[in-house]
């Protein structure tokens, strides 16, 4: 009888672990936005294929990228077109809340400037800025904006300076900019760094919440709340709730 109970307990534990692993694996870790066309389409897909073999991914694709290769097709995907763009904001918002990392394998100079200047008047800039505002990580492949070696000496200095100023601003904002080939190498370090990061909650953050009429704030359990922050919360009557990665209160 004792052996039978032991066997049942072991089986239950195995099923729990298997279910947990299955749930964890189904949750995308990396959101990839394919919006702008690229002449090197197969190279881009190969880049994504490699990442998909390491991380659970989700895709947001424009009409130029609907031909998803069969070995990547099982991935969760949101398709953008003129008819649906206005009706999927809720789904896009949900993705940006669920996923901590955004990767843009193709970009344009316009996106570079918009994100640097916090202008969110199209889908790519809106998603990138939403991720930044939520404290998530943004990774941009810069292959399509790298200077043409043949034209380097013909480029107008003022234009080059302006582009470099946008790049510096993005780097100051914590955006990662790499050639595609390096993204695969750098991604694990970016994820590890993000997981070690602890939000710092100051008194001024609680004061701003109070001014907005908030009486409760939900924070990740790993958040660091300064003594003055705790005093401010107590004086202002703001309840602080700490939750784990699944959103469950601890």
Protein backbone atom coordinates (compact mmCIF):
# COMPACT_ATOMS: atom_id res chain seq x y z
CA UNK A 1 0.00 0.00 0.00
CA UNK A 2 2.80 2.41 0.98
CA UNK A 3 4.63 1.69 -2.29
CA UNK A 4 1.45 2.30 -4.26
CA UNK A 5 0.92 5.69 -2.57
CA UNK A 6 4.57 6.58 -3.19
CA UNK A 7 4.15 5.64 -6.86
CA UNK A 8 0.99 7.76 -7.19
CA UNK A 9 2.69 10.77 -5.57
CA UNK A 10 5.70 10.43 -7.89
CA UNK A 11 3.40 10.21 -10.91
CA UNK A 12 1.47 13.29 -9.78
CA UNK A 13 4.72 15.23 -9.34
CA UNK A 14 5.89 14.21 -12.82
CA UNK A 15 2.60 15.39 -14.33
CA UNK A 16 2.83 18.70 -12.45
CA UNK A 17 6.39 19.30 -13.67
CA UNK A 18 5.46 18.33 -17.24
CA UNK A 19 2.44 20.68 -17.16
CA UNK A 20 4.56 23.51 -15.76
CA UNK A 21 7.23 23.02 -18.44
CA UNK A 22 4.57 22.91 -21.14
CA UNK A 23 2.98 26.14 -19.89
CA UNK A 24 6.36 27.86 -19.61
CA UNK A 25 7.33 26.75 -23.11
CA UNK A 26 4.06 28.02 -24.60
CA UNK A 27 4.59 31.51 -23.21
CA UNK A 28 6.49 33.59 -25.79
CA UNK A 29 9.66 35.23 -24.50
CA UNK A 30 10.56 37.20 -27.62
CA UNK A 31 8.23 39.36 -29.72
CA UNK A 32 9.53 39.83 -33.28
CA UNK A 33 8.11 42.64 -35.40
CA UNK A 34 8.47 42.18 -39.16
CA UNK A 35 7.08 45.32 -40.71
CA UNK A 36 9.48 46.77 -43.29
CA UNK A 37 10.42 44.83 -46.46
CA UNK A 38 14.00 43.65 -46.83
CA UNK A 39 15.97 42.55 -49.91
CA UNK A 40 17.66 39.83 -47.84
CA UNK A 41 14.44 38.11 -46.82
CA UNK A 42 15.91 34.62 -46.49
CA UNK A 43 18.71 35.92 -44.26
CA UNK A 44 16.11 37.55 -42.01
CA UNK A 45 14.07 34.33 -41.82
CA UNK A 46 17.22 32.35 -41.03
CA UNK A 47 17.98 34.79 -38.21
CA UNK A 48 14.46 34.31 -36.82
CA UNK A 49 14.65 30.54 -37.32
CA UNK A 50 17.78 30.37 -35.17
CA UNK A 51 16.18 32.47 -32.42
CA UNK A 52 12.99 30.37 -32.52
CA UNK A 53 15.03 27.25 -31.81
CA UNK A 54 16.29 28.82 -28.58
CA UNK A 55 13.40 30.99 -27.37
CA UNK A 56 9.60 30.77 -27.59
CA UNK A 57 8.68 33.59 -29.99
CA UNK A 58 5.64 35.48 -31.24
CA UNK A 59 5.48 37.34 -34.55
CA UNK A 60 3.80 40.53 -35.72
CA UNK A 61 3.98 40.58 -39.52
CA UNK A 62 2.98 43.03 -42.24
CA UNK A 63 1.77 42.04 -45.72
CA UNK A 64 5.40 41.82 -46.86
CA UNK A 65 6.11 38.98 -44.42
CA UNK A 66 3.01 36.76 -44.52
CA UNK A 67 4.94 33.94 -46.23
CA UNK A 68 6.19 32.50 -42.94
CA UNK A 69 8.40 29.41 -43.52
CA UNK A 70 6.80 26.11 -42.56
CA UNK A 71 9.28 25.41 -39.74
CA UNK A 72 8.37 28.74 -38.10
CA UNK A 73 4.66 28.67 -38.99
CA UNK A 74 3.59 27.07 -35.68
CA UNK A 75 4.62 30.28 -33.91
CA UNK A 76 1.94 32.61 -32.56
CA UNK A 77 1.50 35.38 -35.14
CA UNK A 78 -0.50 38.58 -35.58
CA UNK A 79 -1.02 39.68 -39.21
CA UNK A 80 -1.23 43.35 -40.06
CA UNK A 81 -3.08 44.78 -43.06
CA UNK A 82 -5.06 47.92 -43.84
CA UNK A 83 -8.36 46.27 -42.90
CA UNK A 84 -7.26 44.89 -39.54
CA UNK A 85 -4.73 47.45 -38.29
CA UNK A 86 -7.43 49.52 -36.58
CA UNK A 87 -9.00 46.47 -34.91
CA UNK A 88 -6.05 44.70 -33.29
CA UNK A 89 -4.80 47.29 -30.83
CA UNK A 90 -6.11 45.20 -27.95
CA UNK A 91 -4.21 42.10 -29.13
CA UNK A 92 -1.03 44.13 -29.68
CA UNK A 93 -1.40 45.68 -26.23
CA UNK A 94 -1.76 42.21 -24.72
CA UNK A 95 1.40 41.00 -26.46
CA UNK A 96 3.42 43.97 -25.22
CA UNK A 97 2.21 43.27 -21.68
CA UNK A 98 2.96 39.53 -21.81
CA UNK A 99 6.39 39.63 -23.45
CA UNK A 100 9.51 41.29 -22.07
CA UNK A 101 11.64 41.49 -25.23
CA UNK A 102 10.94 43.11 -28.61
CA UNK A 103 13.17 42.45 -31.61
CA UNK A 104 13.02 44.38 -34.89
CA UNK A 105 15.08 42.57 -37.56
CA UNK A 106 14.32 45.24 -40.19
CA UNK A 107 13.93 48.99 -39.70
CA UNK A 108 14.00 52.32 -41.55
CA UNK A 109 15.57 55.64 -40.63
CA UNK A 110 12.06 56.92 -39.92
CA UNK A 111 11.55 54.37 -37.14
CA UNK A 112 14.94 55.23 -35.71
CA UNK A 113 14.00 58.91 -35.42
CA UNK A 114 10.45 58.29 -34.19
CA UNK A 115 11.45 56.01 -31.33
CA UNK A 116 14.32 58.34 -30.39
CA UNK A 117 11.90 61.31 -30.31
CA UNK A 118 9.00 59.32 -28.77
CA UNK A 119 6.69 59.76 -31.77
CA UNK A 120 4.26 56.83 -31.95
CA UNK A 121 2.19 57.58 -35.05
CA UNK A 122 2.49 54.13 -36.65
CA UNK A 123 2.44 50.50 -35.54
CA UNK A 124 6.22 49.86 -35.25
CA UNK A 125 6.97 53.05 -33.29
CA UNK A 126 3.89 52.57 -31.07
CA UNK A 127 4.90 49.01 -30.14
CA UNK A 128 8.54 49.96 -29.49
CA UNK A 129 7.57 52.92 -27.29
CA UNK A 130 4.95 50.89 -25.41
CA UNK A 131 7.62 48.32 -24.59
CA UNK A 132 9.98 51.06 -23.37
CA UNK A 133 7.29 52.67 -21.21
CA UNK A 134 6.61 49.28 -19.62
CA UNK A 135 10.30 48.84 -18.78
CA UNK A 136 10.76 46.08 -21.36
CA UNK A 137 13.80 45.56 -23.61
CA UNK A 138 13.97 46.61 -27.28
CA UNK A 139 16.54 45.12 -29.65
CA UNK A 140 17.01 46.61 -33.13
CA UNK A 141 18.99 45.09 -36.01
CA UNK A 142 20.78 47.94 -37.76
CA UNK A 143 21.80 46.16 -40.99
CA UNK A 144 19.48 48.26 -43.17
CA UNK A 145 20.80 51.57 -41.83
CA UNK A 146 24.51 50.82 -41.81
CA UNK A 147 26.47 53.30 -43.99
CA UNK A 148 27.18 52.20 -47.54
CA UNK A 149 30.94 51.81 -47.78
CA UNK A 150 30.93 53.00 -51.38
CA UNK A 151 29.10 56.23 -50.53
CA UNK A 152 30.67 56.94 -47.14
CA UNK A 153 32.77 59.86 -48.41
CA UNK A 154 29.84 61.34 -50.35
CA UNK A 155 27.39 61.48 -47.44
CA UNK A 156 26.41 64.86 -46.10
CA UNK A 157 28.00 65.34 -42.69
CA UNK A 158 24.88 66.99 -41.24
CA UNK A 159 22.70 64.00 -42.18
CA UNK A 160 25.17 61.52 -40.71
CA UNK A 161 25.37 63.56 -37.49
CA UNK A 162 21.59 63.59 -37.20
CA UNK A 163 21.38 59.81 -37.62
CA UNK A 164 24.14 59.30 -35.06
CA UNK A 165 22.29 61.57 -32.60
CA UNK A 166 19.21 59.34 -32.87
CA UNK A 167 21.35 56.26 -32.30
CA UNK A 168 22.96 57.82 -29.22
CA UNK A 169 19.54 58.76 -27.83
CA UNK A 170 18.26 55.21 -28.29
CA UNK A 171 21.34 53.81 -26.59
CA UNK A 172 20.83 56.22 -23.67
CA UNK A 173 17.25 54.94 -23.45
CA UNK A 174 18.56 51.37 -23.13
CA UNK A 175 17.75 50.19 -26.66
CA UNK A 176 20.15 47.55 -27.98
CA UNK A 177 21.41 48.12 -31.54
CA UNK A 178 23.34 45.33 -33.25
CA UNK A 179 23.85 43.83 -36.70
CA UNK A 180 21.59 40.79 -37.13
CA UNK A 181 24.47 38.33 -36.89
CA UNK A 182 25.31 39.60 -33.40
CA UNK A 183 21.75 39.53 -32.07
CA UNK A 184 21.87 35.75 -31.72
CA UNK A 185 25.09 36.03 -29.66
CA UNK A 186 23.88 38.92 -27.50
CA UNK A 187 20.31 37.78 -26.75
CA UNK A 188 21.11 35.48 -23.82
CA UNK A 189 23.09 38.26 -22.12
CA UNK A 190 20.25 40.75 -22.67
CA UNK A 191 17.73 38.33 -21.13
CA UNK A 192 19.99 37.53 -18.16
CA UNK A 193 20.59 41.23 -17.52
CA UNK A 194 16.85 41.97 -17.64
CA UNK A 195 16.03 39.14 -15.23
CA UNK A 196 18.54 40.53 -12.71
CA UNK A 197 17.14 44.04 -13.01
CA UNK A 198 15.10 45.22 -10.01
CA UNK A 199 12.67 48.16 -10.31
CA UNK A 200 13.54 50.98 -7.87
CA UNK A 201 10.48 52.62 -6.31
CA UNK A 202 11.05 56.13 -4.95
CA UNK A 203 8.86 58.46 -2.91
CA UNK A 204 8.21 60.61 -6.00
CA UNK A 205 6.67 57.59 -7.78
CA UNK A 206 4.18 57.11 -4.94
CA UNK A 207 3.45 60.84 -4.83
CA UNK A 208 2.67 60.82 -8.57
CA UNK A 209 0.29 57.89 -8.06
CA UNK A 210 -1.43 59.74 -5.24
CA UNK A 211 -1.90 62.81 -7.43
CA UNK A 212 -3.64 60.53 -9.95
CA UNK A 213 -5.98 59.33 -7.22
CA UNK A 214 -4.48 55.84 -6.98
CA UNK A 215 -4.77 53.99 -3.67
CA UNK A 216 -3.06 50.74 -4.64
CA UNK A 217 -0.02 49.77 -6.70
CA UNK A 218 0.96 46.28 -7.91
CA UNK A 219 4.70 45.71 -8.24
CA UNK A 220 6.97 42.77 -9.14
CA UNK A 221 8.16 40.99 -6.00
CA UNK A 222 11.80 41.79 -6.82
CA UNK A 223 11.12 45.57 -6.67
CA UNK A 224 13.29 47.68 -4.36
CA UNK A 225 11.23 50.20 -2.40
CA UNK A 226 13.27 52.90 -0.66
CA UNK A 227 12.52 53.72 3.01
CA UNK A 228 11.25 57.15 1.92
CA UNK A 229 9.07 55.38 -0.64
CA UNK A 230 7.51 53.21 2.07
CA UNK A 231 6.98 56.27 4.26
CA UNK A 232 5.29 58.08 1.38
CA UNK A 233 3.03 55.10 0.69
CA UNK A 234 2.01 54.95 4.35
CA UNK A 235 1.38 58.71 4.62
CA UNK A 236 -0.56 58.83 1.35
CA UNK A 237 -2.58 55.70 2.13
CA UNK A 238 -1.31 53.73 -0.87
CA UNK A 239 -1.33 49.94 -0.52
CA UNK A 240 1.65 48.17 -2.09
CA UNK A 241 1.03 44.66 -3.44
CA UNK A 242 3.96 42.48 -4.52
CA UNK A 243 3.37 39.72 -7.08
CA UNK A 244 5.44 36.97 -8.65
CA UNK A 245 6.09 36.48 -12.38
CA UNK A 246 2.64 34.86 -12.84
CA UNK A 247 0.92 37.86 -11.27
CA UNK A 248 0.08 35.97 -8.09
CA UNK A 249 0.36 37.90 -4.84
CA UNK A 250 3.01 36.72 -2.40
